[in-house]
Protein backbone atom coordinates (compact mmCIF):
# COMPACT_ATOMS: atom_id res chain seq x y z
CA MET A 1 -31.22 -18.06 20.98
CA GLU A 2 -34.57 -16.63 19.80
CA LYS A 3 -33.06 -13.14 19.58
CA ARG A 4 -30.19 -14.49 17.50
CA GLU A 5 -32.58 -16.29 15.16
CA ALA A 6 -34.73 -13.16 14.81
CA ALA A 7 -31.64 -11.10 13.98
CA ARG A 8 -30.63 -13.62 11.31
CA THR A 9 -34.12 -13.53 9.81
CA ARG A 10 -34.16 -9.73 9.69
CA ARG A 11 -30.73 -9.66 8.09
CA ARG A 12 -31.99 -12.15 5.50
CA ILE A 13 -34.98 -9.90 4.81
CA LEU A 14 -32.62 -6.98 4.20
CA GLU A 15 -30.55 -9.13 1.83
CA ILE A 16 -33.62 -10.22 -0.14
CA LEU A 17 -34.86 -6.64 -0.47
CA LYS A 18 -31.40 -5.57 -1.59
CA GLN A 19 -31.27 -8.38 -4.14
CA ASP A 20 -34.84 -8.29 -5.44
CA GLY A 21 -35.99 -4.74 -4.81
CA PRO A 22 -39.49 -3.84 -3.53
CA THR A 23 -41.25 -7.02 -2.37
CA ASP A 24 -44.50 -7.81 -0.58
CA SER A 25 -44.70 -9.79 2.65
CA VAL A 26 -46.32 -12.80 0.98
CA THR A 27 -43.36 -13.22 -1.35
CA LEU A 28 -40.92 -12.76 1.51
CA ALA A 29 -42.79 -15.36 3.58
CA GLY A 30 -42.47 -17.88 0.76
CA GLN A 31 -38.73 -17.27 0.38
CA LEU A 32 -38.14 -17.54 4.14
CA SER A 33 -40.52 -20.44 4.77
CA LEU A 34 -42.30 -18.38 7.43
CA THR A 35 -45.90 -17.32 7.97
CA GLY A 36 -47.02 -13.99 6.60
CA MET A 37 -47.74 -12.79 10.13
CA ALA A 38 -44.19 -13.62 11.28
CA VAL A 39 -42.65 -11.80 8.32
CA ARG A 40 -44.83 -8.75 8.85
CA GLN A 41 -43.72 -8.57 12.47
CA HIS A 42 -40.08 -8.59 11.37
CA LEU A 43 -40.84 -5.90 8.78
CA TYR A 44 -42.53 -3.68 11.36
CA ASP A 45 -39.53 -4.07 13.68
CA LEU A 46 -37.21 -3.12 10.82
CA GLN A 47 -39.46 -0.19 10.04
CA LYS A 48 -39.20 1.03 13.64
CA ASN A 49 -35.43 1.10 13.16
CA ARG A 50 -35.93 3.03 9.90
CA LEU A 51 -34.29 0.31 7.83
CA VAL A 52 -37.28 -0.41 5.60
CA CYS A 53 -40.35 1.44 4.38
CA TYR A 54 -43.21 0.57 2.08
CA GLN A 55 -45.32 1.92 -0.73
CA GLU A 56 -48.82 0.66 -1.45
CA GLU A 57 -49.54 -0.89 -4.84
CA ARG A 58 -53.07 -1.38 -6.08
CA ARG A 59 -54.04 -4.94 -7.00
CA PRO A 60 -56.96 -6.10 -9.20
CA LEU A 61 -58.64 -7.72 -6.21
CA GLY A 62 -58.60 -6.89 -2.54
CA ARG A 63 -56.72 -4.22 -0.68
CA PRO A 64 -53.54 -2.58 -1.98
CA ALA A 65 -50.36 -4.54 -1.28
CA LYS A 66 -47.48 -3.10 0.68
CA LEU A 67 -44.24 -3.28 -1.28
CA TRP A 68 -41.35 -3.13 1.18
CA ARG A 69 -37.99 -1.63 0.25
CA LEU A 70 -34.77 -0.60 1.96
CA THR A 71 -34.11 2.91 3.21
CA PRO A 72 -30.70 4.58 2.85
CA ALA A 73 -30.09 3.75 6.53
CA ALA A 74 -29.82 0.05 5.57
CA ASP A 75 -26.70 0.71 3.49
CA ARG A 76 -24.55 0.16 6.58
CA PHE A 77 -25.36 -3.56 6.46
CA PHE A 78 -23.64 -3.92 3.10
CA PRO A 79 -19.94 -3.48 2.28
CA ASN A 80 -18.86 -0.01 1.20
CA ALA A 81 -15.16 -0.72 0.63
CA HIS A 82 -14.08 1.95 3.13
CA ALA A 83 -16.00 4.70 1.34
CA ASP A 84 -14.53 7.61 3.31
CA LEU A 85 -10.96 6.49 2.74
CA VAL A 86 -11.51 5.87 -0.98
CA LEU A 87 -13.20 9.24 -1.38
CA SER A 88 -10.36 11.06 0.35
CA LEU A 89 -7.81 9.27 -1.85
CA VAL A 90 -9.73 10.29 -4.98
CA ASP A 91 -9.79 13.90 -3.82
CA ALA A 92 -6.08 13.81 -2.95
CA ALA A 93 -5.16 12.33 -6.33
CA ARG A 94 -7.20 14.95 -8.15
CA SER A 95 -5.66 17.77 -6.12
CA SER A 96 -2.08 16.50 -6.52
CA LEU A 97 -2.13 15.19 -10.08
CA GLY A 98 -5.03 16.98 -11.71
CA SER A 99 -7.87 15.36 -13.64
CA LYS A 100 -5.52 13.83 -16.23
CA GLY A 101 -3.35 12.31 -13.52
CA LEU A 102 -6.40 10.85 -11.81
CA GLY A 103 -7.48 9.46 -15.16
CA ARG A 104 -4.14 7.69 -15.54
CA ILE A 105 -4.55 6.09 -12.10
CA ILE A 106 -8.04 4.88 -12.97
CA ALA A 107 -6.78 3.48 -16.30
CA ALA A 108 -3.95 1.64 -14.51
CA ARG A 109 -6.43 0.14 -12.04
CA ALA A 110 -8.65 -0.96 -14.95
CA ARG A 111 -5.69 -2.70 -16.63
CA GLN A 112 -4.98 -4.59 -13.41
CA GLN A 113 -8.61 -5.69 -13.17
CA ILE A 114 -8.67 -6.83 -16.79
CA SER A 115 -5.52 -8.89 -16.25
CA GLN A 116 -6.89 -10.48 -13.08
CA TYR A 117 -10.30 -11.21 -14.58
CA ARG A 118 -8.83 -12.73 -17.74
CA GLN A 119 -6.72 -15.10 -15.66
CA ARG A 120 -9.86 -16.39 -13.98
CA ILE A 121 -12.18 -16.26 -17.01
CA PRO A 122 -10.65 -18.06 -20.02
CA ALA A 123 -11.91 -16.69 -23.34
CA ARG A 124 -12.37 -20.25 -24.63
CA LEU A 125 -15.30 -20.87 -22.26
CA PRO A 126 -18.86 -20.53 -23.55
CA LEU A 127 -20.32 -17.10 -22.83
CA PRO A 128 -22.78 -18.30 -20.12
CA GLN A 129 -19.89 -19.85 -18.16
CA ARG A 130 -17.75 -16.73 -18.54
CA LEU A 131 -20.60 -14.59 -17.22
CA LYS A 132 -21.17 -16.96 -14.31
CA ARG A 133 -17.50 -16.66 -13.35
CA LEU A 134 -17.56 -12.89 -13.73
CA ALA A 135 -20.63 -12.65 -11.47
CA HIS A 136 -18.86 -14.85 -8.91
CA ILE A 137 -15.80 -12.59 -8.93
CA ARG A 138 -17.90 -9.47 -8.64
CA THR A 139 -19.84 -10.96 -5.73
CA GLU A 140 -16.53 -11.69 -4.00
CA GLU A 141 -15.76 -7.99 -4.42
CA GLY A 142 -19.05 -6.99 -2.77
CA TYR A 143 -21.28 -6.27 -5.79
CA MET A 144 -23.95 -8.95 -5.08
CA ALA A 145 -23.88 -9.91 -8.77
CA GLU A 146 -26.06 -12.34 -10.68
CA VAL A 147 -26.66 -13.28 -14.30
CA LYS A 148 -30.03 -13.64 -16.01
CA THR A 149 -30.81 -14.86 -19.52
CA ARG A 150 -33.22 -12.80 -21.61
CA PRO A 151 -35.75 -14.28 -24.07
CA ASP A 152 -33.80 -12.85 -27.02
CA GLY A 153 -30.67 -14.81 -26.03
CA SER A 154 -28.80 -11.87 -24.53
CA PHE A 155 -27.78 -11.75 -20.87
CA LEU A 156 -28.05 -9.35 -17.98
CA LEU A 157 -25.22 -8.94 -15.49
CA ILE A 158 -26.98 -7.47 -12.46
CA GLU A 159 -25.09 -5.84 -9.60
CA ASN A 160 -27.43 -5.25 -6.67
CA HIS A 161 -24.88 -3.35 -4.61
CA CYS A 162 -22.00 -0.99 -5.35
CA PRO A 163 -19.28 -1.08 -2.67
CA ILE A 164 -17.54 1.93 -4.25
CA CYS A 165 -20.67 4.02 -4.83
CA THR A 166 -19.43 7.00 -2.81
CA ALA A 167 -16.19 7.20 -4.78
CA ALA A 168 -17.96 6.51 -8.10
CA THR A 169 -20.37 9.38 -7.45
CA ALA A 170 -17.44 11.73 -6.90
CA CYS A 171 -15.46 10.32 -9.83
CA THR A 172 -17.56 9.12 -12.75
CA GLY A 173 -14.40 7.92 -14.47
CA LEU A 174 -14.54 4.84 -12.23
CA CYS A 175 -17.85 3.81 -13.79
CA ASP A 176 -16.58 4.45 -17.32
CA ALA A 177 -13.53 2.30 -16.59
CA GLU A 178 -15.73 -0.46 -15.18
CA LEU A 179 -17.61 -0.68 -18.47
CA ASP A 180 -14.28 -0.91 -20.33
CA VAL A 181 -13.18 -3.71 -17.97
CA PHE A 182 -16.25 -5.79 -18.81
CA ARG A 183 -15.84 -5.23 -22.54
CA SER A 184 -12.18 -6.28 -22.42
CA THR A 185 -12.92 -9.28 -20.21
CA LEU A 186 -15.69 -10.53 -22.52
CA PRO A 187 -14.21 -10.34 -26.04
CA GLY A 188 -16.64 -11.07 -28.85
CA THR A 189 -19.57 -9.46 -27.05
CA GLU A 190 -21.33 -6.14 -26.86
CA VAL A 191 -21.71 -4.72 -23.35
CA ARG A 192 -23.80 -1.72 -22.44
CA ARG A 193 -25.07 -0.38 -19.13
CA ILE A 194 -28.86 -0.04 -18.99
CA GLU A 195 -29.33 0.75 -15.28
CA HIS A 196 -26.94 2.75 -13.11
CA ILE A 197 -26.93 3.26 -9.34
CA VAL A 198 -25.08 6.57 -9.64
CA ALA A 199 -27.85 7.82 -11.96
CA GLY A 200 -30.50 6.96 -9.37
CA SER A 201 -31.36 3.35 -10.19
CA ARG A 202 -31.66 0.68 -7.50
CA ARG A 203 -28.90 -1.38 -9.11
CA CYS A 204 -26.42 -1.47 -11.98
CA VAL A 205 -27.41 -3.68 -14.92
CA TYR A 206 -25.30 -4.51 -17.97
CA GLN A 207 -26.75 -6.06 -21.12
CA ILE A 208 -24.36 -8.50 -22.78
CA SER A 209 -25.02 -9.84 -26.26
CA ARG A 210 -23.16 -11.32 -29.16
CA PRO A 211 -22.75 -8.90 -32.07
CA SER A 212 -24.94 -9.53 -35.10
CA ARG A 213 -23.32 -10.95 -38.21
CA GLY A 214 -23.42 -7.61 -39.94
CA GLN A 215 -21.47 -6.02 -37.10
CA SER A 216 -18.94 -8.80 -36.54
CA GLY A 217 -17.31 -8.32 -39.91
């Protein structure tokens, strides 16, 4: 029973680090309702298995804090949408149909996504509700998505995981199509990607805002 509980706690730590990025043990302890000592023990066990590592950050007072983050080895704990199969299908499509043929396949997939998303996200809903539904759908698909409101009234759609990252790295057209899907699903908004996993970021982040009056005409 204790081993099972410890395994659940360590999995939760991995999920928090995936969601929030580099985090110190004090913050983790607060989120898990555990003592700092207990959390550090879990972190050291995860470190032994090469699932987490840390980097020291200087603080105004006291010793530097250890900011814990995931290693690439932790990716196996998160869905990858059958990366090897998807990658081989992308390569086969490119070999058989050429780049233009692959582009047509990606465009057809994007049209299907737009149709499915629009059925579940009515355009009449206020933008915050539409974004909440979109984040829910994307989380169902394995993207660990969330929405945050910015002080200027715009929104961030944050995807903390990319289940098709392997395929997207080999075929950047998938990422371009994804941006088109969001723009078509959220009419009356401006959508731009400001962080990108494929480009080396920890996550993908999209800024969504309403166009200014001068642009809407």
